[in-house]
Protein backbone atom coordinates (compact mmCIF):
# COMPACT_ATOMS: atom_id res chain seq x y z
CA MET A 1 155.60 121.29 155.44
CA ASN A 2 153.30 118.50 156.84
CA LEU A 3 152.33 115.50 155.09
CA SER A 4 151.05 113.69 157.93
CA SER A 5 147.28 114.26 157.22
CA ILE A 6 147.83 112.66 153.22
CA HIS A 7 145.84 109.50 152.82
CA THR A 8 145.59 106.51 149.61
CA GLN A 9 143.12 104.92 148.35
CA SER A 10 144.01 101.96 146.79
CA GLY A 11 142.48 99.13 144.25
CA SER A 12 142.32 95.68 143.24
CA LYS A 13 144.90 95.40 140.42
CA ASN A 14 146.22 91.73 139.47
CA ALA A 15 149.66 89.90 140.26
CA TYR A 16 151.15 90.91 136.64
CA LEU A 17 150.35 94.46 136.00
CA ARG A 18 151.23 95.08 139.92
CA SER A 19 154.62 93.32 139.19
CA ARG A 20 155.33 94.98 135.59
CA ARG A 21 154.32 98.67 137.73
CA LEU A 22 157.08 97.66 140.17
CA ALA A 23 159.36 96.76 137.68
CA CYS A 24 159.13 99.82 135.83
CA MET A 25 159.23 102.06 138.35
CA ALA A 26 162.19 101.43 139.49
CA ALA A 27 163.17 101.79 136.16
CA ALA A 28 162.03 104.64 136.42
CA ALA A 29 164.22 106.01 138.71
CA ALA A 30 167.57 104.85 137.22
CA ALA A 31 166.09 107.14 134.17
CA LEU A 32 165.93 110.06 136.00
CA LEU A 33 168.63 109.97 137.24
CA SER A 34 170.68 109.52 134.11
CA GLY A 35 172.65 112.56 133.40
CA GLY A 36 173.54 114.45 130.05
CA THR A 37 176.55 115.56 128.07
CA ALA A 38 178.01 119.18 129.25
CA LEU A 39 177.17 121.16 126.33
CA ALA A 40 177.53 124.97 128.70
CA GLN A 41 175.48 127.23 125.84
CA TYR A 42 172.65 125.09 125.17
CA GLU A 43 170.05 123.84 127.23
CA TYR A 44 169.07 120.48 125.77
CA GLU A 45 171.01 117.56 123.26
CA PHE A 46 168.79 116.97 120.27
CA PHE A 47 168.48 113.43 118.45
CA LEU A 48 167.25 113.48 115.09
CA ILE A 49 164.42 110.74 114.57
CA GLU A 50 164.75 109.71 110.90
CA PRO A 51 161.70 107.07 108.97
CA PHE A 52 162.57 103.71 108.56
CA TYR A 53 162.93 103.79 104.62
CA GLN A 54 165.06 106.83 103.12
CA TRP A 55 162.95 107.75 100.27
CA SER A 56 162.85 111.61 98.95
CA THR A 57 158.85 112.24 100.36
CA ALA A 58 159.47 110.00 103.44
CA GLU A 59 158.52 111.15 107.40
CA SER A 60 158.95 110.94 110.86
CA TYR A 61 157.23 112.47 113.92
CA MET A 62 157.81 112.01 117.06
CA SER A 63 154.17 112.75 119.43
CA PHE A 64 155.06 111.11 122.83
CA ILE A 65 157.34 110.62 125.52
CA ASN A 66 156.43 108.09 128.96
CA ASP A 67 158.44 109.24 132.15
CA LEU A 68 160.73 106.58 131.43
CA ASN A 69 161.93 108.28 128.18
CA VAL A 70 160.55 106.19 125.76
CA GLY A 71 159.33 107.92 123.10
CA LEU A 72 156.63 107.08 120.53
CA GLY A 73 155.62 108.51 117.01
CA GLU A 74 155.21 107.68 113.14
CA GLY A 75 157.56 107.04 110.34
CA LEU A 76 157.26 105.58 106.60
CA ALA A 77 158.60 102.54 106.65
CA SER A 78 158.92 99.32 102.92
CA SER A 79 154.93 99.07 103.46
CA GLY A 80 153.48 102.30 104.44
CA MET A 81 154.16 104.06 107.78
CA ALA A 82 154.98 102.39 111.27
CA GLY A 83 155.14 103.03 115.07
CA ILE A 84 158.36 104.14 116.08
CA LEU A 85 159.44 102.99 119.69
CA TRP A 86 161.90 105.36 120.79
CA THR A 87 165.05 104.91 123.71
CA GLU A 88 168.33 106.54 124.18
CA ALA A 89 170.19 103.48 124.51
CA GLN A 90 168.61 101.58 121.46
CA GLY A 91 167.31 103.96 118.97
CA ARG A 92 164.31 103.43 117.48
CA ARG A 93 162.43 100.30 116.26
CA GLN A 94 159.12 99.53 114.54
CA THR A 95 156.07 98.79 116.12
CA TYR A 96 152.34 99.20 115.13
CA SER A 97 151.41 102.07 112.93
CA GLY A 98 148.29 104.18 115.29
CA LEU A 99 149.65 104.01 118.89
CA GLN A 100 148.53 106.63 121.12
CA GLU A 101 150.18 107.55 124.72
CA LEU A 102 151.89 105.02 125.64
CA ASN A 103 152.27 104.42 129.66
CA ASN A 104 155.14 103.76 131.98
CA LEU A 105 154.24 100.18 132.24
CA GLY A 106 154.97 99.95 128.38
CA PHE A 107 151.29 99.84 127.23
CA ALA A 108 149.74 101.99 124.54
CA VAL A 109 145.91 102.63 123.04
CA SER A 110 145.25 102.12 119.97
CA SER A 111 141.32 102.64 118.74
CA ASP A 112 139.22 99.42 120.84
CA GLN A 113 142.92 98.05 121.79
CA ILE A 114 145.15 98.08 124.64
CA VAL A 115 148.76 96.99 123.05
CA ASP A 116 152.19 95.64 125.51
CA THR A 117 154.48 97.04 122.96
CA SER A 118 157.23 94.83 124.89
CA ASP A 119 155.87 91.79 122.93
CA GLY A 120 153.35 93.31 120.64
CA SER A 121 150.64 91.36 122.66
CA SER A 122 146.95 93.38 122.65
CA PHE A 123 143.52 92.92 123.92
CA VAL A 124 140.48 94.24 123.00
CA ILE A 125 138.20 96.42 125.87
CA PRO A 126 134.65 95.72 125.39
CA PRO A 127 131.97 98.12 124.57
CA PRO A 128 129.86 99.50 127.22
CA ASN A 129 126.10 98.34 126.19
CA SER A 130 124.64 97.28 123.22
CA GLN A 131 123.51 100.69 121.70
CA TYR A 132 127.49 102.31 121.97
CA PHE A 133 128.86 99.29 120.63
CA ILE A 134 132.23 100.97 119.00
CA PRO A 135 134.57 102.21 121.33
CA ARG A 136 138.03 103.54 121.50
CA LEU A 137 140.18 104.62 123.87
CA PHE A 138 142.69 108.01 124.28
CA ASP A 139 144.54 107.37 126.80
CA LEU A 140 146.20 104.92 129.32
CA ASN A 141 147.17 105.96 133.19
CA ASP A 142 150.01 103.76 135.29
CA ASN A 143 146.93 101.78 136.76
CA MET A 144 145.58 100.49 133.42
CA VAL A 145 142.61 103.09 133.84
CA GLY A 146 141.51 104.26 130.20
CA VAL A 147 139.34 107.18 128.96
CA GLY A 148 137.74 107.58 125.32
CA GLY A 149 134.75 107.10 123.99
CA ALA A 150 131.93 104.84 122.28
CA ARG A 151 130.12 105.66 119.24
CA SER A 152 126.51 104.01 118.28
CA GLY A 153 127.56 103.78 114.44
CA CYS A 154 125.59 107.27 112.83
CA SER A 155 128.19 109.72 113.87
CA ASP A 156 131.02 111.31 116.01
CA PHE A 157 128.15 113.35 117.71
CA CYS A 158 126.64 109.72 118.82
CA GLU A 159 129.64 109.30 120.53
CA LYS A 160 129.62 109.10 124.88
CA PRO A 161 132.88 109.37 127.36
CA ILE A 162 133.65 106.24 128.35
CA ILE A 163 136.45 104.85 131.40
CA TRP A 164 137.39 101.48 131.18
CA ASP A 165 140.03 99.79 134.15
CA GLU A 166 140.65 95.86 135.11
CA VAL A 167 138.10 95.17 137.62
CA GLY A 168 135.09 97.28 136.47
CA GLY A 169 135.24 96.81 132.23
CA THR A 170 133.89 99.78 130.72
CA ARG A 171 131.52 102.19 131.60
CA MET A 172 129.91 105.66 130.61
CA VAL A 173 130.44 109.08 132.35
CA PRO A 174 127.66 110.51 133.51
CA VAL A 175 128.38 114.07 132.34
CA PRO A 176 125.53 116.42 130.37
CA ASN A 177 126.22 116.41 126.52
CA ALA A 178 129.73 114.72 126.52
CA TYR A 179 131.08 113.11 123.66
CA ARG A 180 134.37 112.15 124.44
CA MET A 181 137.07 111.96 126.99
CA THR A 182 141.05 111.76 125.92
CA HIS A 183 143.36 112.54 128.96
CA ILE A 184 143.37 110.70 132.74
CA ASN A 185 146.26 110.92 135.23
CA ASN A 186 147.30 108.78 138.38
CA ALA A 187 145.00 110.09 140.40
CA GLY A 188 141.81 109.29 138.06
CA ARG A 189 141.44 113.06 136.65
CA ALA A 190 140.38 113.47 133.25
CA ALA A 191 139.61 115.92 130.31
CA GLY A 192 137.36 115.52 127.88
CA TYR A 193 134.39 117.42 125.71
CA ILE A 194 131.21 118.87 125.53
CA GLN A 195 129.21 118.55 122.65
CA PHE A 196 125.66 120.33 122.37
CA TYR A 197 124.52 119.89 119.16
CA HIS A 198 126.40 118.20 115.83
CA GLN A 199 129.45 119.86 114.86
CA GLY A 200 129.08 121.98 117.09
CA PRO A 201 131.21 123.84 119.48
CA THR A 202 132.94 122.23 122.08
CA GLN A 203 133.98 122.95 125.82
CA ALA A 204 136.09 121.33 127.89
CA PHE A 205 135.41 119.54 130.78
CA LEU A 206 137.34 118.33 133.62
CA TYR A 207 136.31 115.03 135.52
CA ASN A 208 136.98 113.56 139.02
CA ASP A 209 137.00 109.54 138.40
CA GLN A 210 136.95 109.22 142.19
CA SER A 211 134.38 111.72 143.04
CA GLY A 212 132.08 111.56 139.83
CA GLN A 213 132.46 115.62 140.04
CA TRP A 214 133.05 117.33 136.84
CA ILE A 215 133.24 121.22 135.98
CA ASN A 216 133.18 123.08 132.28
CA LEU A 217 135.92 125.41 131.97
CA SER A 218 134.25 127.44 129.86
CA ASP A 219 132.33 128.45 132.58
CA PHE A 220 135.39 129.98 134.39
CA LEU A 221 136.41 132.34 131.12
CA HIS A 222 135.62 136.26 131.96
CA PRO A 223 132.47 137.04 130.84
CA ARG A 224 134.09 140.26 129.26
CA GLN A 225 137.35 139.02 127.42
CA PHE A 226 135.38 136.14 126.03
CA ASN A 227 132.10 135.48 124.44
CA ASP A 228 128.77 133.75 126.23
CA PHE A 229 130.50 130.55 124.08
CA ALA A 230 133.83 130.37 123.85
CA ILE A 231 134.95 127.00 122.63
CA THR A 232 137.62 125.57 124.97
CA ARG A 233 140.04 122.69 124.01
CA VAL A 234 142.45 120.27 126.86
CA THR A 235 145.75 119.32 124.64
CA ASP A 236 147.32 117.56 127.93
CA LEU A 237 146.83 117.02 131.83
CA THR A 238 149.33 116.90 134.57
CA GLU A 239 149.57 114.41 138.00
CA ASN A 240 148.53 117.72 140.01
CA GLY A 241 145.74 118.15 137.70
CA ALA A 242 146.78 121.68 136.25
CA VAL A 243 145.45 121.17 132.36
CA THR A 244 146.85 123.30 128.78
CA GLY A 245 145.04 123.82 126.48
CA GLU A 246 143.00 126.35 123.26
CA VAL A 247 140.58 128.59 123.53
CA TYR A 248 139.14 130.29 120.55
CA ALA A 249 136.40 132.89 120.66
CA ALA A 250 135.78 135.93 118.46
CA GLU A 251 136.83 138.63 121.54
CA ALA A 252 140.28 136.80 122.89
CA LEU A 253 142.98 138.09 123.13
CA ALA A 254 144.82 135.17 123.91
CA ASN A 255 144.31 131.47 122.71
CA GLY A 256 147.03 129.22 124.48
CA PHE A 257 146.33 128.68 127.96
CA VAL A 258 147.53 127.23 131.34
CA TRP A 259 144.59 126.32 133.60
CA LYS A 260 145.23 124.97 137.73
CA ASP A 261 142.31 124.75 140.21
CA GLY A 262 142.82 127.83 142.53
CA GLN A 263 144.89 129.49 140.01
CA GLY A 264 142.66 129.85 136.96
CA PHE A 265 143.98 130.43 133.77
CA THR A 266 147.36 131.88 133.19
CA PHE A 267 146.98 133.06 128.88
CA LEU A 268 150.38 132.52 127.00
CA PRO A 269 152.01 135.37 125.24
CA GLY A 270 153.55 135.81 121.54
CA LEU A 271 156.57 133.98 120.59
CA ASP A 272 159.26 136.41 120.09
CA GLY A 273 157.11 139.18 118.81
CA GLY A 274 154.55 136.84 117.16
CA ASP A 275 150.68 136.81 117.30
CA PRO A 276 149.40 135.28 120.99
CA LEU A 277 145.83 134.52 118.69
CA TYR A 278 148.00 131.54 117.22
CA VAL A 279 150.14 130.02 119.75
CA ARG A 280 149.38 126.63 120.28
CA PRO A 281 150.53 124.62 123.86
CA SER A 282 149.91 120.96 123.10
CA GLY A 283 152.11 119.51 126.25
CA ILE A 284 152.81 120.06 129.92
CA ASN A 285 154.76 118.56 133.07
CA ASP A 286 154.43 118.55 136.54
CA ALA A 287 157.12 121.18 136.73
CA MET A 288 154.35 123.65 134.98
CA GLN A 289 156.44 123.79 131.62
CA VAL A 290 154.38 123.95 128.53
CA VAL A 291 155.23 123.24 124.92
CA GLY A 292 153.92 123.30 121.46
CA SER A 293 154.03 125.60 118.61
CA ALA A 294 153.42 129.01 117.91
CA PRO A 295 154.19 131.93 115.05
CA ASP A 296 157.48 134.14 115.57
CA ALA A 297 157.41 138.05 114.50
CA GLY A 298 158.42 136.55 110.98
CA SER A 299 154.53 134.43 110.96
CA SER A 300 156.89 131.08 110.68
CA TYR A 301 155.88 128.95 114.09
CA ARG A 302 158.87 127.50 115.92
CA ALA A 303 158.47 124.64 118.60
CA PHE A 304 158.44 126.93 122.22
CA ILE A 305 158.92 125.94 125.81
CA TRP A 306 156.53 128.13 128.44
CA ASP A 307 157.60 128.23 132.00
CA ALA A 308 155.99 131.12 134.49
CA ASN A 309 159.09 132.14 135.33
CA ARG A 310 161.31 132.12 132.34
CA GLY A 311 158.24 132.98 129.58
CA MET A 312 158.59 132.18 125.98
CA ARG A 313 161.11 130.38 124.31
CA ASP A 314 162.18 129.23 121.59
CA LEU A 315 163.75 125.95 121.61
CA ASN A 316 165.93 126.34 118.45
CA ASP A 317 167.66 129.20 120.43
CA LEU A 318 168.51 126.10 122.88
CA VAL A 319 169.52 123.07 121.24
CA GLN A 320 172.65 122.78 119.08
CA LEU A 321 170.55 121.20 115.68
CA PRO A 322 172.77 119.98 112.68
CA THR A 323 172.63 122.35 109.71
CA ASP A 324 169.33 123.65 108.60
CA PHE A 325 167.11 121.89 110.87
CA ILE A 326 164.03 123.37 112.18
CA LEU A 327 162.03 122.76 115.33
CA ASP A 328 158.93 123.03 114.32
CA ARG A 329 156.53 121.74 116.76
CA ALA A 330 156.81 120.61 120.06
CA ALA A 331 154.50 117.61 120.94
CA LYS A 332 154.81 116.51 124.58
CA ILE A 333 157.45 117.14 127.13
CA ASN A 334 157.39 114.73 130.27
CA ASP A 335 158.44 114.98 134.29
CA ASN A 336 161.89 114.41 132.77
CA GLY A 337 161.58 117.58 131.22
CA TRP A 338 162.23 115.27 127.97
CA ILE A 339 160.45 117.04 124.49
CA VAL A 340 159.73 115.22 121.57
CA GLY A 341 157.99 116.84 118.50
CA SER A 342 158.73 117.20 114.70
CA GLY A 343 160.56 119.69 112.49
CA HIS A 344 161.87 119.80 108.93
CA PHE A 345 165.20 120.47 106.76
CA GLY A 346 165.37 124.30 105.62
CA PRO A 347 165.57 126.92 105.50
CA GLY A 348 162.58 126.11 102.50
CA TRP A 349 159.53 123.51 102.72
CA ASN A 350 160.65 120.26 103.61
CA PHE A 351 158.83 116.28 104.95
CA ALA A 352 159.03 116.01 109.00
CA ARG A 353 161.43 114.50 110.59
CA GLY A 354 161.19 113.59 114.44
CA PHE A 355 163.19 114.52 117.85
CA VAL A 356 163.77 114.06 120.97
CA LEU A 357 165.10 116.90 123.01
CA LYS A 358 167.08 115.46 126.16
CA PRO A 359 167.57 117.73 128.97
CA ILE A 360 171.24 118.82 129.70
CA GLY A 361 172.78 117.68 132.55
CA GLY A 362 169.12 116.43 134.43
CA GLY A 363 167.34 120.16 134.21
CA GLY A 364 166.33 120.42 137.82
CA PRO A 365 167.83 119.74 141.75
CA GLU A 366 169.23 116.40 142.12
CA LEU A 367 169.49 114.26 145.34
CA THR A 368 172.33 111.61 146.03
CA VAL A 369 172.31 109.24 149.18
CA GLU A 370 175.36 107.64 150.75
CA PRO A 371 174.82 104.40 151.59
CA LEU A 372 173.08 103.40 154.57
CA HIS A 373 174.92 101.05 157.36
CA ARG A 374 173.10 100.15 160.31
CA GLY A 375 174.38 102.35 163.21
CA GLN A 376 176.00 104.81 160.93
CA PRO A 377 175.43 108.53 159.75
CA ALA A 378 174.93 109.25 156.21
CA ASP A 379 174.18 112.38 153.88
CA LEU A 380 171.60 113.43 151.91
CA THR A 381 172.76 115.85 149.21
CA VAL A 382 170.71 118.21 147.47
CA THR A 383 172.95 120.14 144.77
CA GLY A 384 170.69 122.86 142.12
CA ALA A 385 168.89 124.35 144.93
CA ASN A 386 168.57 128.31 144.76
CA PRO A 387 171.07 129.27 147.77
CA ALA A 388 169.60 129.79 151.05
CA GLU A 389 166.41 128.09 149.47
CA ARG A 390 165.10 125.35 152.27
CA VAL A 391 164.44 121.71 150.84
CA TYR A 392 162.95 119.40 152.42
CA PHE A 393 163.62 115.32 152.49
CA ILE A 394 160.45 112.78 152.56
CA TYR A 395 161.18 109.02 152.76
CA SER A 396 158.68 106.17 151.82
CA THR A 397 159.78 102.38 152.69
CA ALA A 398 156.49 101.63 150.78
CA GLY A 399 157.98 101.86 146.80
CA THR A 400 158.12 104.72 144.54
CA GLY A 401 155.38 105.67 142.49
CA SER A 402 152.44 107.75 142.21
CA GLY A 403 152.38 109.28 145.56
CA PRO A 404 150.85 112.51 147.63
CA CYS A 405 150.37 116.05 145.82
CA PRO A 406 150.56 118.28 149.39
CA PRO A 407 148.78 121.60 149.18
CA ALA A 408 152.14 123.19 150.91
CA LEU A 409 153.91 122.13 147.27
CA GLY A 410 150.86 123.69 145.40
CA GLY A 411 150.02 120.58 144.45
CA LEU A 412 152.87 119.02 143.27
CA CYS A 413 153.20 115.01 143.83
CA LEU A 414 155.31 112.88 145.01
CA ASP A 415 156.74 110.12 143.76
CA LEU A 416 156.75 108.02 146.45
CA ARG A 417 154.35 105.69 147.85
CA LEU A 418 152.57 106.47 150.88
CA PRO A 419 152.90 106.65 153.88
CA VAL A 420 155.23 109.23 153.28
CA MET A 421 157.25 110.93 156.54
CA GLN A 422 159.52 113.97 155.93
CA LEU A 423 162.97 113.49 157.54
CA GLY A 424 164.02 117.18 158.34
CA SER A 425 165.38 120.00 156.04
CA ALA A 426 168.22 121.97 155.69
CA VAL A 427 168.99 125.29 153.83
CA ALA A 428 170.95 125.76 150.67
CA ASP A 429 174.73 126.95 150.66
CA GLY A 430 175.64 130.02 148.46
CA GLY A 431 176.52 127.23 145.83
CA GLY A 432 173.35 125.85 145.69
CA THR A 433 174.06 123.12 147.91
CA ALA A 434 171.40 121.25 150.91
CA ILE A 435 172.91 118.44 153.22
CA MET A 436 171.21 116.34 155.84
CA THR A 437 173.07 113.96 157.95
CA ILE A 438 170.85 110.80 159.33
CA GLU A 439 171.56 108.39 161.61
CA ILE A 440 170.84 104.86 160.58
CA PRO A 441 169.49 103.12 164.06
CA ALA A 442 171.89 100.64 164.63
CA GLN A 443 168.76 97.64 164.95
CA ALA A 444 166.71 99.33 161.94
CA PRO A 445 165.54 96.36 159.57
CA LEU A 446 167.60 96.03 156.54
CA ILE A 447 165.08 97.23 153.81
CA THR A 448 165.00 99.61 150.75
CA VAL A 449 164.33 103.21 151.69
CA HIS A 450 163.27 105.73 149.07
CA THR A 451 163.62 109.28 149.65
CA GLN A 452 162.96 112.46 147.84
CA ALA A 453 163.67 116.03 148.39
CA ALA A 454 160.95 119.09 147.19
CA ILE A 455 161.95 122.95 147.29
CA ARG A 456 158.86 125.20 148.23
CA ARG A 457 158.58 127.67 145.16
CA GLY A 458 156.06 130.54 144.31
CA ALA A 459 152.67 131.91 145.83
CA GLY A 460 151.36 129.38 147.80
CA GLY A 461 153.97 126.63 146.13
CA ALA A 462 153.01 127.34 142.87
CA ASP A 463 156.30 126.98 141.34
CA SER A 464 157.54 123.92 143.60
CA VAL A 465 160.10 121.55 142.36
CA LYS A 466 161.33 118.08 143.91
CA THR A 467 164.54 116.26 142.86
CA ASP A 468 164.35 112.56 141.24
CA ALA A 469 163.39 109.54 144.51
CA VAL A 470 166.01 107.75 145.13
CA SER A 471 165.89 104.11 146.36
CA THR A 472 168.96 102.87 148.97
CA PRO A 473 168.83 99.78 150.70
CA ILE A 474 170.03 99.49 154.87
CA GLN A 475 173.13 97.31 155.06
CA PRO A 476 174.38 95.88 158.26
């Protein structure tokens, strides 16, 4: 696996946002290394998120979780619905209602505003021009680039897609017949919708802000399986450019899908004998785990998780729940495998309650690094690999954050900033442990080294996995 040919692009960032980003990336490494309580028969630990105001009709739900494991949702308060910010350490706290898509710097979007959830401050983005004067954002990445739409005031059909950043301001996106963009990742890949006439069917498009190129996802559907004007909708987008969403067409054999460049569409099966036409995916992470809601054989909607190896699984079977609590819908899954959504206390209908699911034991391979001292050896150890798997060890001195996505790993993105270099590799033993010993030069500079391990899995690396990035200072 050769990483030497990978290059990066960097843009102007103001000092405040750059310092916030670096501080939050360091916090992300600590969050990724946190362990879970050992509950052997289950895969997740459960957290119930109650509304602020305890009333018979009070509701709460969780809609988003970032890679710092900070959850975002809504819950009833004394004055109406209020925003929920949740962490495992601090529990829930009240914030503004209507916040969406919390990035790893702690900023969220709400209509035409960007809100700093750390102190409640906000600023309004300007319109792109005098004609389309009502902007609104739907997503904001860690580079503080947001996407959304701007309306002229007549209707949603008069909306055009926009992109905003701190340097270029608000600008239109030149995709014909497009009316909105809803997701953007840290590599500048975005997803949105095309609509050919007022209240007509929509088709999802993917847009590359770096190159200006775009594709219509409906163009990749098989004409014999779907009609000529299938409706497509993207509900989430990963850092490596994979998307999940839905297809609506009379001849469709499946609705929920995963799509990735070079691999095409994968249509999700039904849950436990349920109808696949009603599978509703809503979140996907870089490990290609998909979550959402789907009916079982009894037509009861349940929260599910899907991956290529284990297929569709009912999340209710993977977690120890309070008596009569049912997980109805999983809304999002982050790159650490944490899941948020909503459920209710059954067995009959009841008002919604939010939840957070935390993977027990980390949910993937883990990397530990011995202290680094000049002139001495140090072991890099990965646990949780499969026996006889080759584990690649990679490092950077530039820091952690959004890194390259090597083709050898099927597009899985590393969490190390360029330039990155390969230390070497080791084969896992029968217990799934791989150890690599490195020698620190006697005159090595006293800097921090950021390491990560990756395992190539699947055809073309499509199922590859990575450990968390670990930052270790070199000591005398």
